[in-house]
Amino acid sequence: MLIKTRYLFILATTFLFAGCASITESGYYWGNYSETYYEYIKAPSEQSVTNHLNELNRIVDTSKQKGLKVPPGIYAEIGYITAKRGDSDDSIAYYRQEAELYPESKGFIERLISDQK
């Protein structure tokens, strides 16, 4: 569990910094990722997790509406939160979406999936 938390922290921190760029600079829509992630880390609660998960889903929806690629790590983070909530099947589906969209993440994603089983 500690290993998964460490991986998520590294993944999320990486994307937190990338999330500071605007759409025109990065080519991705990040919405309020930085704000909701900060609250999720600063004051972990069911409400902050739900707010962050809702923002992640908004990022996916808005990216699709704008014809943009979903930012790297978003599907993996949705999968991680879903797994923590006990929904293994859905989390694996999100992990696989991440690996499909970003093939370079496949090794990391496969490790998350195998750790979950």
PDB file of N, CA and C in Angstrom:
ATOM      1  N   MET A   1       0.825  -1.192   0.000  1.00  0.00           N
ATOM      2  CA  MET A   1       0.000   0.000   0.000  1.00  0.00           C
ATOM      3  C   MET A   1       0.867   1.253   0.000  1.00  0.00           C
ATOM      4  N   LEU A   2       1.942   1.221   0.799  1.00  0.00           N
ATOM      5  CA  LEU A   2       2.852   2.360   0.857  1.00  0.00           C
ATOM      6  C   LEU A   2       3.485   2.606  -0.505  1.00  0.00           C
ATOM      7  N   ILE A   3       3.828   1.539  -1.206  1.00  0.00           N
ATOM      8  CA  ILE A   3       4.442   1.683  -2.524  1.00  0.00           C
ATOM      9  C   ILE A   3       3.472   2.351  -3.485  1.00  0.00           C
ATOM     10  N   LYS A   4       2.195   1.920  -3.482  1.00  0.00           N
ATOM     11  CA  LYS A   4       1.198   2.522  -4.362  1.00  0.00           C
ATOM     12  C   LYS A   4       1.006   3.991  -4.032  1.00  0.00           C
ATOM     13  N   THR A   5       0.973   4.326  -2.752  1.00  0.00           N
ATOM     14  CA  THR A   5       0.806   5.716  -2.340  1.00  0.00           C
ATOM     15  C   THR A   5       1.987   6.544  -2.816  1.00  0.00           C
ATOM     16  N   ARG A   6       3.184   5.986  -2.718  1.00  0.00           N
ATOM     17  CA  ARG A   6       4.381   6.696  -3.166  1.00  0.00           C
ATOM     18  C   ARG A   6       4.330   6.933  -4.675  1.00  0.00           C
ATOM     19  N   TYR A   7       3.917   5.907  -5.432  1.00  0.00           N
ATOM     20  CA  TYR A   7       3.801   6.062  -6.885  1.00  0.00           C
ATOM     21  C   TYR A   7       2.781   7.125  -7.243  1.00  0.00           C
ATOM     22  N   LEU A   8       1.640   7.111  -6.564  1.00  0.00           N
ATOM     23  CA  LEU A   8       0.609   8.099  -6.861  1.00  0.00           C
ATOM     24  C   LEU A   8       1.111   9.493  -6.531  1.00  0.00           C
ATOM     25  N   PHE A   9       1.807   9.636  -5.407  1.00  0.00           N
ATOM     26  CA  PHE A   9       2.320  10.939  -5.029  1.00  0.00           C
ATOM     27  C   PHE A   9       3.283  11.472  -6.080  1.00  0.00           C
ATOM     28  N   ILE A  10       4.182  10.628  -6.539  1.00  0.00           N
ATOM     29  CA  ILE A  10       5.147  11.037  -7.573  1.00  0.00           C
ATOM     30  C   ILE A  10       4.417  11.395  -8.854  1.00  0.00           C
ATOM     31  N   LEU A  11       3.465  10.559  -9.252  1.00  0.00           N
ATOM     32  CA  LEU A  11       2.690  10.799 -10.461  1.00  0.00           C
ATOM     33  C   LEU A  11       1.911  12.102 -10.352  1.00  0.00           C
ATOM     34  N   ALA A  12       1.209  12.285  -9.260  1.00  0.00           N
ATOM     35  CA  ALA A  12       0.386  13.476  -9.089  1.00  0.00           C
ATOM     36  C   ALA A  12       1.238  14.737  -8.997  1.00  0.00           C
ATOM     37  N   THR A  13       2.366  14.671  -8.308  1.00  0.00           N
ATOM     38  CA  THR A  13       3.238  15.831  -8.199  1.00  0.00           C
ATOM     39  C   THR A  13       3.771  16.244  -9.563  1.00  0.00           C
ATOM     40  N   THR A  14       4.124  15.269 -10.367  1.00  0.00           N
ATOM     41  CA  THR A  14       4.589  15.556 -11.712  1.00  0.00           C
ATOM     42  C   THR A  14       3.534  16.309 -12.501  1.00  0.00           C
ATOM     43  N   PHE A  15       2.313  15.817 -12.416  1.00  0.00           N
ATOM     44  CA  PHE A  15       1.241  16.430 -13.188  1.00  0.00           C
ATOM     45  C   PHE A  15       0.739  17.718 -12.563  1.00  0.00           C
ATOM     46  N   LEU A  16       0.969  17.892 -11.272  1.00  0.00           N
ATOM     47  CA  LEU A  16       0.604  19.130 -10.620  1.00  0.00           C
ATOM     48  C   LEU A  16       1.382  20.284 -11.240  1.00  0.00           C
ATOM     49  N   PHE A  17       2.674  20.085 -11.431  1.00  0.00           N
ATOM     50  CA  PHE A  17       3.482  21.132 -12.027  1.00  0.00           C
ATOM     51  C   PHE A  17       3.121  21.357 -13.489  1.00  0.00           C
ATOM     52  N   ALA A  18       2.834  20.290 -14.192  1.00  0.00           N
ATOM     53  CA  ALA A  18       2.416  20.429 -15.587  1.00  0.00           C
ATOM     54  C   ALA A  18       1.067  21.109 -15.664  1.00  0.00           C
ATOM     55  N   GLY A  19       0.236  20.923 -14.646  1.00  0.00           N
ATOM     56  CA  GLY A  19      -1.108  21.474 -14.634  1.00  0.00           C
ATOM     57  C   GLY A  19      -1.137  22.984 -14.500  1.00  0.00           C
ATOM     58  N   CYS A  20      -0.029  23.581 -14.156  1.00  0.00           N
ATOM     59  CA  CYS A  20       0.014  25.030 -14.006  1.00  0.00           C
ATOM     60  C   CYS A  20       0.024  25.753 -15.348  1.00  0.00           C
ATOM     61  N   ALA A  21       0.343  25.057 -16.407  1.00  0.00           N
ATOM     62  CA  ALA A  21       0.403  25.684 -17.728  1.00  0.00           C
ATOM     63  C   ALA A  21      -0.999  25.829 -18.304  1.00  0.00           C
ATOM     64  N   SER A  22      -1.173  26.823 -19.152  1.00  0.00           N
ATOM     65  CA  SER A  22      -2.484  27.006 -19.784  1.00  0.00           C
ATOM     66  C   SER A  22      -2.647  26.023 -20.932  1.00  0.00           C
ATOM     67  N   ILE A  23      -3.855  25.963 -21.457  1.00  0.00           N
ATOM     68  CA  ILE A  23      -4.143  25.037 -22.559  1.00  0.00           C
ATOM     69  C   ILE A  23      -3.227  25.324 -23.743  1.00  0.00           C
ATOM     70  N   THR A  24      -3.043  26.576 -24.065  1.00  0.00           N
ATOM     71  CA  THR A  24      -2.252  26.906 -25.249  1.00  0.00           C
ATOM     72  C   THR A  24      -0.791  26.510 -25.091  1.00  0.00           C
ATOM     73  N   GLU A  25      -0.281  26.507 -23.876  1.00  0.00           N
ATOM     74  CA  GLU A  25       1.116  26.144 -23.663  1.00  0.00           C
ATOM     75  C   GLU A  25       1.321  24.634 -23.607  1.00  0.00           C
ATOM     76  N   SER A  26       0.399  23.924 -22.952  1.00  0.00           N
ATOM     77  CA  SER A  26       0.602  22.498 -22.740  1.00  0.00           C
ATOM     78  C   SER A  26      -0.182  21.625 -23.708  1.00  0.00           C
ATOM     79  N   GLY A  27      -1.241  22.156 -24.278  1.00  0.00           N
ATOM     80  CA  GLY A  27      -2.099  21.355 -25.148  1.00  0.00           C
ATOM     81  C   GLY A  27      -3.094  20.507 -24.380  1.00  0.00           C
ATOM     82  N   TYR A  28      -3.148  20.672 -23.061  1.00  0.00           N
ATOM     83  CA  TYR A  28      -4.067  19.922 -22.216  1.00  0.00           C
ATOM     84  C   TYR A  28      -4.959  20.882 -21.442  1.00  0.00           C
ATOM     85  N   TYR A  29      -6.121  20.390 -21.067  1.00  0.00           N
ATOM     86  CA  TYR A  29      -7.002  21.137 -20.172  1.00  0.00           C
ATOM     87  C   TYR A  29      -6.827  20.561 -18.769  1.00  0.00           C
ATOM     88  N   TRP A  30      -6.444  21.412 -17.816  1.00  0.00           N
ATOM     89  CA  TRP A  30      -6.199  20.955 -16.445  1.00  0.00           C
ATOM     90  C   TRP A  30      -7.262  21.421 -15.466  1.00  0.00           C
ATOM     91  N   GLY A  31      -8.159  22.309 -15.874  1.00  0.00           N
ATOM     92  CA  GLY A  31      -9.221  22.760 -14.978  1.00  0.00           C
ATOM     93  C   GLY A  31      -8.664  23.269 -13.665  1.00  0.00           C
ATOM     94  N   ASN A  32      -9.289  22.839 -12.572  1.00  0.00           N
ATOM     95  CA  ASN A  32      -8.855  23.232 -11.222  1.00  0.00           C
ATOM     96  C   ASN A  32      -8.065  22.116 -10.545  1.00  0.00           C
ATOM     97  N   TYR A  33      -7.320  21.359 -11.321  1.00  0.00           N
ATOM     98  CA  TYR A  33      -6.573  20.225 -10.784  1.00  0.00           C
ATOM     99  C   TYR A  33      -5.712  20.625  -9.591  1.00  0.00           C
ATOM    100  N   SER A  34      -4.927  21.658  -9.746  1.00  0.00           N
ATOM    101  CA  SER A  34      -3.981  22.052  -8.693  1.00  0.00           C
ATOM    102  C   SER A  34      -4.693  22.356  -7.382  1.00  0.00           C
ATOM    103  N   GLU A  35      -5.808  23.084  -7.475  1.00  0.00           N
ATOM    104  CA  GLU A  35      -6.533  23.472  -6.268  1.00  0.00           C
ATOM    105  C   GLU A  35      -7.146  22.259  -5.561  1.00  0.00           C
ATOM    106  N   THR A  36      -7.822  21.396  -6.318  1.00  0.00           N
ATOM    107  CA  THR A  36      -8.488  20.259  -5.675  1.00  0.00           C
ATOM    108  C   THR A  36      -7.473  19.230  -5.186  1.00  0.00           C
ATOM    109  N   TYR A  37      -6.359  19.077  -5.895  1.00  0.00           N
ATOM    110  CA  TYR A  37      -5.320  18.153  -5.439  1.00  0.00           C
ATOM    111  C   TYR A  37      -4.691  18.658  -4.145  1.00  0.00           C
ATOM    112  N   TYR A  38      -4.429  19.942  -4.097  1.00  0.00           N
ATOM    113  CA  TYR A  38      -3.838  20.534  -2.900  1.00  0.00           C
ATOM    114  C   TYR A  38      -4.735  20.302  -1.685  1.00  0.00           C
ATOM    115  N   GLU A  39      -6.023  20.542  -1.844  1.00  0.00           N
ATOM    116  CA  GLU A  39      -6.961  20.319  -0.739  1.00  0.00           C
ATOM    117  C   GLU A  39      -7.015  18.848  -0.347  1.00  0.00           C
ATOM    118  N   TYR A  40      -6.966  17.977  -1.329  1.00  0.00           N
ATOM    119  CA  TYR A  40      -6.994  16.530  -1.099  1.00  0.00           C
ATOM    120  C   TYR A  40      -5.787  16.087  -0.282  1.00  0.00           C
ATOM    121  N   ILE A  41      -4.625  16.663  -0.541  1.00  0.00           N
ATOM    122  CA  ILE A  41      -3.402  16.317   0.182  1.00  0.00           C
ATOM    123  C   ILE A  41      -3.328  17.048   1.531  1.00  0.00           C
ATOM    124  N   LYS A  42      -3.689  18.309   1.516  1.00  0.00           N
ATOM    125  CA  LYS A  42      -3.588  19.135   2.716  1.00  0.00           C
ATOM    126  C   LYS A  42      -4.552  18.676   3.810  1.00  0.00           C
ATOM    127  N   ALA A  43      -5.791  18.400   3.453  1.00  0.00           N
ATOM    128  CA  ALA A  43      -6.813  18.040   4.437  1.00  0.00           C
ATOM    129  C   ALA A  43      -7.603  16.835   3.919  1.00  0.00           C
ATOM    130  N   PRO A  44      -6.989  15.655   3.962  1.00  0.00           N
ATOM    131  CA  PRO A  44      -7.665  14.477   3.428  1.00  0.00           C
ATOM    132  C   PRO A  44      -8.984  14.194   4.165  1.00  0.00           C
ATOM    133  N   SER A  45     -10.034  14.100   3.403  1.00  0.00           N
ATOM    134  CA  SER A  45     -11.351  13.764   3.942  1.00  0.00           C
ATOM    135  C   SER A  45     -12.159  13.185   2.792  1.00  0.00           C
ATOM    136  N   GLU A  46     -13.270  12.595   3.129  1.00  0.00           N
ATOM    137  CA  GLU A  46     -14.128  12.060   2.067  1.00  0.00           C
ATOM    138  C   GLU A  46     -14.567  13.187   1.133  1.00  0.00           C
ATOM    139  N   GLN A  47     -14.821  14.362   1.685  1.00  0.00           N
ATOM    140  CA  GLN A  47     -15.256  15.499   0.861  1.00  0.00           C
ATOM    141  C   GLN A  47     -14.144  15.971  -0.080  1.00  0.00           C
ATOM    142  N   SER A  48     -12.914  16.076   0.422  1.00  0.00           N
ATOM    143  CA  SER A  48     -11.829  16.550  -0.447  1.00  0.00           C
ATOM    144  C   SER A  48     -11.513  15.520  -1.531  1.00  0.00           C
ATOM    145  N   VAL A  49     -11.617  14.229  -1.186  1.00  0.00           N
ATOM    146  CA  VAL A  49     -11.403  13.186  -2.196  1.00  0.00           C
ATOM    147  C   VAL A  49     -12.498  13.256  -3.256  1.00  0.00           C
ATOM    148  N   THR A  50     -13.739  13.408  -2.811  1.00  0.00           N
ATOM    149  CA  THR A  50     -14.865  13.500  -3.752  1.00  0.00           C
ATOM    150  C   THR A  50     -14.723  14.728  -4.643  1.00  0.00           C
ATOM    151  N   ASN A  51     -14.348  15.858  -4.059  1.00  0.00           N
ATOM    152  CA  ASN A  51     -14.152  17.075  -4.861  1.00  0.00           C
ATOM    153  C   ASN A  51     -13.065  16.871  -5.907  1.00  0.00           C
ATOM    154  N   HIS A  52     -11.971  16.240  -5.510  1.00  0.00           N
ATOM    155  CA  HIS A  52     -10.873  16.018  -6.457  1.00  0.00           C
ATOM    156  C   HIS A  52     -11.297  15.033  -7.554  1.00  0.00           C
ATOM    157  N   LEU A  53     -11.975  13.976  -7.167  1.00  0.00           N
ATOM    158  CA  LEU A  53     -12.459  13.004  -8.153  1.00  0.00           C
ATOM    159  C   LEU A  53     -13.429  13.661  -9.130  1.00  0.00           C
ATOM    160  N   ASN A  54     -14.312  14.513  -8.626  1.00  0.00           N
ATOM    161  CA  ASN A  54     -15.236  15.236  -9.510  1.00  0.00           C
ATOM    162  C   ASN A  54     -14.473  16.126 -10.482  1.00  0.00           C
ATOM    163  N   GLU A  55     -13.416  16.772  -9.996  1.00  0.00           N
ATOM    164  CA  GLU A  55     -12.609  17.625 -10.879  1.00  0.00           C
ATOM    165  C   GLU A  55     -11.893  16.791 -11.928  1.00  0.00           C
ATOM    166  N   LEU A  56     -11.367  15.634 -11.544  1.00  0.00           N
ATOM    167  CA  LEU A  56     -10.714  14.755 -12.520  1.00  0.00           C
ATOM    168  C   LEU A  56     -11.695  14.355 -13.622  1.00  0.00           C
ATOM    169  N   ASN A  57     -12.904  14.017 -13.242  1.00  0.00           N
ATOM    170  CA  ASN A  57     -13.919  13.656 -14.241  1.00  0.00           C
ATOM    171  C   ASN A  57     -14.308  14.842 -15.108  1.00  0.00           C
ATOM    172  N   ARG A  58     -14.341  16.056 -14.517  1.00  0.00           N
ATOM    173  CA  ARG A  58     -14.608  17.266 -15.317  1.00  0.00           C
ATOM    174  C   ARG A  58     -13.487  17.501 -16.332  1.00  0.00           C
ATOM    175  N   ILE A  59     -12.257  17.248 -15.911  1.00  0.00           N
ATOM    176  CA  ILE A  59     -11.119  17.404 -16.824  1.00  0.00           C
ATOM    177  C   ILE A  59     -11.276  16.460 -18.013  1.00  0.00           C
ATOM    178  N   VAL A  60     -11.653  15.223 -17.745  1.00  0.00           N
ATOM    179  CA  VAL A  60     -11.863  14.254 -18.830  1.00  0.00           C
ATOM    180  C   VAL A  60     -12.973  14.750 -19.759  1.00  0.00           C
ATOM    181  N   ASP A  61     -14.111  15.132 -19.185  1.00  0.00           N
ATOM    182  CA  ASP A  61     -15.249  15.572 -19.992  1.00  0.00           C
ATOM    183  C   ASP A  61     -14.928  16.820 -20.811  1.00  0.00           C
ATOM    184  N   THR A  62     -14.313  17.812 -20.166  1.00  0.00           N
ATOM    185  CA  THR A  62     -13.985  19.063 -20.860  1.00  0.00           C
ATOM    186  C   THR A  62     -12.940  18.824 -21.947  1.00  0.00           C
ATOM    187  N   SER A  63     -11.955  17.993 -21.662  1.00  0.00           N
ATOM    188  CA  SER A  63     -10.936  17.687 -22.675  1.00  0.00           C
ATOM    189  C   SER A  63     -11.584  17.085 -23.910  1.00  0.00           C
ATOM    190  N   LYS A  64     -12.500  16.146 -23.696  1.00  0.00           N
ATOM    191  CA  LYS A  64     -13.191  15.519 -24.829  1.00  0.00           C
ATOM    192  C   LYS A  64     -14.029  16.537 -25.581  1.00  0.00           C
ATOM    193  N   GLN A  65     -14.742  17.403 -24.858  1.00  0.00           N
ATOM    194  CA  GLN A  65     -15.571  18.426 -25.495  1.00  0.00           C
ATOM    195  C   GLN A  65     -14.738  19.390 -26.332  1.00  0.00           C
ATOM    196  N   LYS A  66     -13.547  19.703 -25.868  1.00  0.00           N
ATOM    197  CA  LYS A  66     -12.675  20.647 -26.575  1.00  0.00           C
ATOM    198  C   LYS A  66     -11.801  19.965 -27.622  1.00  0.00           C
ATOM    199  N   GLY A  67     -11.945  18.645 -27.744  1.00  0.00           N
ATOM    200  CA  GLY A  67     -11.141  17.912 -28.717  1.00  0.00           C
ATOM    201  C   GLY A  67      -9.682  17.789 -28.308  1.00  0.00           C
ATOM    202  N   LEU A  68      -9.417  17.853 -27.010  1.00  0.00           N
ATOM    203  CA  LEU A  68      -8.052  17.753 -26.504  1.00  0.00           C
ATOM    204  C   LEU A  68      -7.808  16.361 -25.937  1.00  0.00           C
ATOM    205  N   LYS A  69      -6.568  15.962 -25.924  1.00  0.00           N
ATOM    206  CA  LYS A  69      -6.175  14.703 -25.299  1.00  0.00           C
ATOM    207  C   LYS A  69      -6.283  14.865 -23.783  1.00  0.00           C
ATOM    208  N   VAL A  70      -6.817  13.859 -23.114  1.00  0.00           N
ATOM    209  CA  VAL A  70      -6.890  13.897 -21.651  1.00  0.00           C
ATOM    210  C   VAL A  70      -5.455  13.946 -21.127  1.00  0.00           C
ATOM    211  N   PRO A  71      -5.184  14.842 -20.168  1.00  0.00           N
ATOM    212  CA  PRO A  71      -3.809  14.974 -19.676  1.00  0.00           C
ATOM    213  C   PRO A  71      -3.265  13.669 -19.090  1.00  0.00           C
ATOM    214  N   PRO A  72      -1.959  13.488 -19.180  1.00  0.00           N
ATOM    215  CA  PRO A  72      -1.336  12.278 -18.634  1.00  0.00           C
ATOM    216  C   PRO A  72      -1.574  12.169 -17.137  1.00  0.00           C
ATOM    217  N   GLY A  73      -1.876  10.953 -16.710  1.00  0.00           N
ATOM    218  CA  GLY A  73      -2.046  10.681 -15.292  1.00  0.00           C
ATOM    219  C   GLY A  73      -3.464  10.815 -14.775  1.00  0.00           C
ATOM    220  N   ILE A  74      -4.331  11.457 -15.531  1.00  0.00           N
ATOM    221  CA  ILE A  74      -5.688  11.693 -15.040  1.00  0.00           C
ATOM    222  C   ILE A  74      -6.448  10.378 -14.888  1.00  0.00           C
ATOM    223  N   TYR A  75      -6.436   9.545 -15.924  1.00  0.00           N
ATOM    224  CA  TYR A  75      -7.139   8.262 -15.812  1.00  0.00           C
ATOM    225  C   TYR A  75      -6.520   7.395 -14.713  1.00  0.00           C
ATOM    226  N   ALA A  76      -5.207   7.428 -14.585  1.00  0.00           N
ATOM    227  CA  ALA A  76      -4.545   6.637 -13.544  1.00  0.00           C
ATOM    228  C   ALA A  76      -4.952   7.114 -12.155  1.00  0.00           C
ATOM    229  N   GLU A  77      -5.075   8.410 -11.992  1.00  0.00           N
ATOM    230  CA  GLU A  77      -5.462   8.938 -10.687  1.00  0.00           C
ATOM    231  C   GLU A  77      -6.919   8.612 -10.373  1.00  0.00           C
ATOM    232  N   ILE A  78      -7.788   8.685 -11.368  1.00  0.00           N
ATOM    233  CA  ILE A  78      -9.180   8.265 -11.162  1.00  0.00           C
ATOM    234  C   ILE A  78      -9.202   6.789 -10.759  1.00  0.00           C
ATOM    235  N   GLY A  79      -8.402   5.982 -11.442  1.00  0.00           N
ATOM    236  CA  GLY A  79      -8.317   4.567 -11.117  1.00  0.00           C
ATOM    237  C   GLY A  79      -7.831   4.329  -9.708  1.00  0.00           C
ATOM    238  N   TYR A  80      -6.856   5.083  -9.274  1.00  0.00           N
ATOM    239  CA  TYR A  80      -6.300   4.931  -7.930  1.00  0.00           C
ATOM    240  C   TYR A  80      -7.348   5.259  -6.863  1.00  0.00           C
ATOM    241  N   ILE A  81      -8.043   6.370  -7.056  1.00  0.00           N
ATOM    242  CA  ILE A  81      -9.079   6.756  -6.090  1.00  0.00           C
ATOM    243  C   ILE A  81     -10.207   5.733  -6.089  1.00  0.00           C
ATOM    244  N   THR A  82     -10.571   5.262  -7.268  1.00  0.00           N
ATOM    245  CA  THR A  82     -11.622   4.246  -7.385  1.00  0.00           C
ATOM    246  C   THR A  82     -11.199   2.967  -6.672  1.00  0.00           C
ATOM    247  N   ALA A  83      -9.934   2.582  -6.806  1.00  0.00           N
ATOM    248  CA  ALA A  83      -9.426   1.384  -6.124  1.00  0.00           C
ATOM    249  C   ALA A  83      -9.467   1.561  -4.614  1.00  0.00           C
ATOM    250  N   LYS A  84      -9.085   2.747  -4.145  1.00  0.00           N
ATOM    251  CA  LYS A  84      -9.116   3.001  -2.702  1.00  0.00           C
ATOM    252  C   LYS A  84     -10.534   2.919  -2.157  1.00  0.00           C
ATOM    253  N   ARG A  85     -11.499   3.183  -3.010  1.00  0.00           N
ATOM    254  CA  ARG A  85     -12.902   3.109  -2.592  1.00  0.00           C
ATOM    255  C   ARG A  85     -13.457   1.691  -2.733  1.00  0.00           C
ATOM    256  N   GLY A  86     -12.609   0.771  -3.193  1.00  0.00           N
ATOM    257  CA  GLY A  86     -12.987  -0.631  -3.217  1.00  0.00           C
ATOM    258  C   GLY A  86     -13.550  -1.161  -4.518  1.00  0.00           C
ATOM    259  N   ASP A  87     -13.495  -0.371  -5.583  1.00  0.00           N
ATOM    260  CA  ASP A  87     -14.037  -0.826  -6.870  1.00  0.00           C
ATOM    261  C   ASP A  87     -12.897  -1.236  -7.798  1.00  0.00           C
ATOM    262  N   SER A  88     -12.451  -2.455  -7.627  1.00  0.00           N
ATOM    263  CA  SER A  88     -11.299  -2.981  -8.350  1.00  0.00           C
ATOM    264  C   SER A  88     -11.518  -3.025  -9.857  1.00  0.00           C
ATOM    265  N   ASP A  89     -12.677  -3.479 -10.294  1.00  0.00           N
ATOM    266  CA  ASP A  89     -12.928  -3.612 -11.734  1.00  0.00           C
ATOM    267  C   ASP A  89     -12.894  -2.267 -12.455  1.00  0.00           C
ATOM    268  N   ASP A  90     -13.572  -1.266 -11.883  1.00  0.00           N
ATOM    269  CA  ASP A  90     -13.558   0.059 -12.503  1.00  0.00           C
ATOM    270  C   ASP A  90     -12.161   0.666 -12.483  1.00  0.00           C
ATOM    271  N   SER A  91     -11.445   0.473 -11.390  1.00  0.00           N
ATOM    272  CA  SER A  91     -10.112   1.065 -11.312  1.00  0.00           C
ATOM    273  C   SER A  91      -9.194   0.477 -12.381  1.00  0.00           C
ATOM    274  N   ILE A  92      -9.286  -0.812 -12.588  1.00  0.00           N
ATOM    275  CA  ILE A  92      -8.460  -1.450 -13.629  1.00  0.00           C
ATOM    276  C   ILE A  92      -8.829  -0.914 -15.004  1.00  0.00           C
ATOM    277  N   ALA A  93     -10.110  -0.673 -15.236  1.00  0.00           N
ATOM    278  CA  ALA A  93     -10.544  -0.102 -16.526  1.00  0.00           C
ATOM    279  C   ALA A  93      -9.919   1.284 -16.727  1.00  0.00           C
ATOM    280  N   TYR A  94      -9.878   2.097 -15.670  1.00  0.00           N
ATOM    281  CA  TYR A  94      -9.252   3.426 -15.777  1.00  0.00           C
ATOM    282  C   TYR A  94      -7.747   3.294 -15.996  1.00  0.00           C
ATOM    283  N   TYR A  95      -7.118   2.373 -15.291  1.00  0.00           N
ATOM    284  CA  TYR A  95      -5.683   2.164 -15.496  1.00  0.00           C
ATOM    285  C   TYR A  95      -5.407   1.789 -16.949  1.00  0.00           C
ATOM    286  N   ARG A  96      -6.228   0.933 -17.504  1.00  0.00           N
ATOM    287  CA  ARG A  96      -6.022   0.506 -18.894  1.00  0.00           C
ATOM    288  C   ARG A  96      -6.241   1.654 -19.876  1.00  0.00           C
ATOM    289  N   GLN A  97      -7.193   2.542 -19.570  1.00  0.00           N
ATOM    290  CA  GLN A  97      -7.378   3.723 -20.416  1.00  0.00           C
ATOM    291  C   GLN A  97      -6.114   4.578 -20.415  1.00  0.00           C
ATOM    292  N   GLU A  98      -5.505   4.722 -19.237  1.00  0.00           N
ATOM    293  CA  GLU A  98      -4.264   5.497 -19.138  1.00  0.00           C
ATOM    294  C   GLU A  98      -3.173   4.864 -20.002  1.00  0.00           C
ATOM    295  N   ALA A  99      -3.012   3.548 -19.893  1.00  0.00           N
ATOM    296  CA  ALA A  99      -1.966   2.853 -20.651  1.00  0.00           C
ATOM    297  C   ALA A  99      -2.229   2.915 -22.152  1.00  0.00           C
ATOM    298  N   GLU A 100      -3.494   2.895 -22.531  1.00  0.00           N
ATOM    299  CA  GLU A 100      -3.832   2.975 -23.955  1.00  0.00           C
ATOM    300  C   GLU A 100      -3.533   4.368 -24.505  1.00  0.00           C
ATOM    301  N   LEU A 101      -3.872   5.386 -23.729  1.00  0.00           N
ATOM    302  CA  LEU A 101      -3.660   6.755 -24.172  1.00  0.00           C
ATOM    303  C   LEU A 101      -2.181   7.154 -24.115  1.00  0.00           C
ATOM    304  N   TYR A 102      -1.476   6.614 -23.128  1.00  0.00           N
ATOM    305  CA  TYR A 102      -0.055   6.915 -22.945  1.00  0.00           C
ATOM    306  C   TYR A 102       0.717   5.602 -22.824  1.00  0.00           C
ATOM    307  N   PRO A 103       1.078   4.989 -23.942  1.00  0.00           N
ATOM    308  CA  PRO A 103       1.747   3.680 -23.922  1.00  0.00           C
ATOM    309  C   PRO A 103       3.032   3.656 -23.093  1.00  0.00           C
ATOM    310  N   GLU A 104       3.676   4.783 -22.953  1.00  0.00           N
ATOM    311  CA  GLU A 104       4.912   4.825 -22.174  1.00  0.00           C
ATOM    312  C   GLU A 104       4.652   4.565 -20.681  1.00  0.00           C
ATOM    313  N   SER A 105       3.399   4.655 -20.276  1.00  0.00           N
ATOM    314  CA  SER A 105       3.052   4.406 -18.867  1.00  0.00           C
ATOM    315  C   SER A 105       2.705   2.950 -18.596  1.00  0.00           C
ATOM    316  N   LYS A 106       2.754   2.110 -19.610  1.00  0.00           N
ATOM    317  CA  LYS A 106       2.267   0.739 -19.482  1.00  0.00           C
ATOM    318  C   LYS A 106       2.954  -0.040 -18.356  1.00  0.00           C
ATOM    319  N   GLY A 107       4.251   0.057 -18.210  1.00  0.00           N
ATOM    320  CA  GLY A 107       4.950  -0.662 -17.150  1.00  0.00           C
ATOM    321  C   GLY A 107       4.469  -0.247 -15.770  1.00  0.00           C
ATOM    322  N   PHE A 108       4.347   1.040 -15.568  1.00  0.00           N
ATOM    323  CA  PHE A 108       3.850   1.571 -14.297  1.00  0.00           C
ATOM    324  C   PHE A 108       2.410   1.111 -14.045  1.00  0.00           C
ATOM    325  N   ILE A 109       1.590   1.205 -15.062  1.00  0.00           N
ATOM    326  CA  ILE A 109       0.176   0.828 -14.942  1.00  0.00           C
ATOM    327  C   ILE A 109       0.044  -0.657 -14.662  1.00  0.00           C
ATOM    328  N   GLU A 110       0.810  -1.472 -15.350  1.00  0.00           N
ATOM    329  CA  GLU A 110       0.741  -2.920 -15.108  1.00  0.00           C
ATOM    330  C   GLU A 110       1.130  -3.259 -13.673  1.00  0.00           C
ATOM    331  N   ARG A 111       2.067  -2.513 -13.122  1.00  0.00           N
ATOM    332  CA  ARG A 111       2.454  -2.724 -11.724  1.00  0.00           C
ATOM    333  C   ARG A 111       1.297  -2.365 -10.790  1.00  0.00           C
ATOM    334  N   LEU A 112       0.614  -1.251 -11.069  1.00  0.00           N
ATOM    335  CA  LEU A 112      -0.544  -0.890 -10.256  1.00  0.00           C
ATOM    336  C   LEU A 112      -1.618  -1.964 -10.310  1.00  0.00           C
ATOM    337  N   ILE A 113      -1.857  -2.486 -11.509  1.00  0.00           N
ATOM    338  CA  ILE A 113      -2.880  -3.527 -11.672  1.00  0.00           C
ATOM    339  C   ILE A 113      -2.474  -4.792 -10.918  1.00  0.00           C
ATOM    340  N   SER A 114      -1.218  -5.191 -11.049  1.00  0.00           N
ATOM    341  CA  SER A 114      -0.779  -6.427 -10.379  1.00  0.00           C
ATOM    342  C   SER A 114      -0.777  -6.265  -8.862  1.00  0.00           C
ATOM    343  N   ASP A 115      -0.466  -5.089  -8.354  1.00  0.00           N
ATOM    344  CA  ASP A 115      -0.497  -4.839  -6.915  1.00  0.00           C
ATOM    345  C   ASP A 115      -1.918  -4.879  -6.368  1.00  0.00           C
ATOM    346  N   GLN A 116      -2.856  -4.595  -7.227  1.00  0.00           N
ATOM    347  CA  GLN A 116      -4.261  -4.534  -6.822  1.00  0.00           C
ATOM    348  C   GLN A 116      -4.888  -5.921  -6.729  1.00  0.00           C
ATOM    349  N   LYS A 117      -4.341  -6.881  -7.455  1.00  0.00           N
ATOM    350  CA  LYS A 117      -4.939  -8.217  -7.484  1.00  0.00           C
ATOM    351  C   LYS A 117      -4.608  -9.037  -6.271  1.00  0.00           C
TER     352      LYS A 117
END
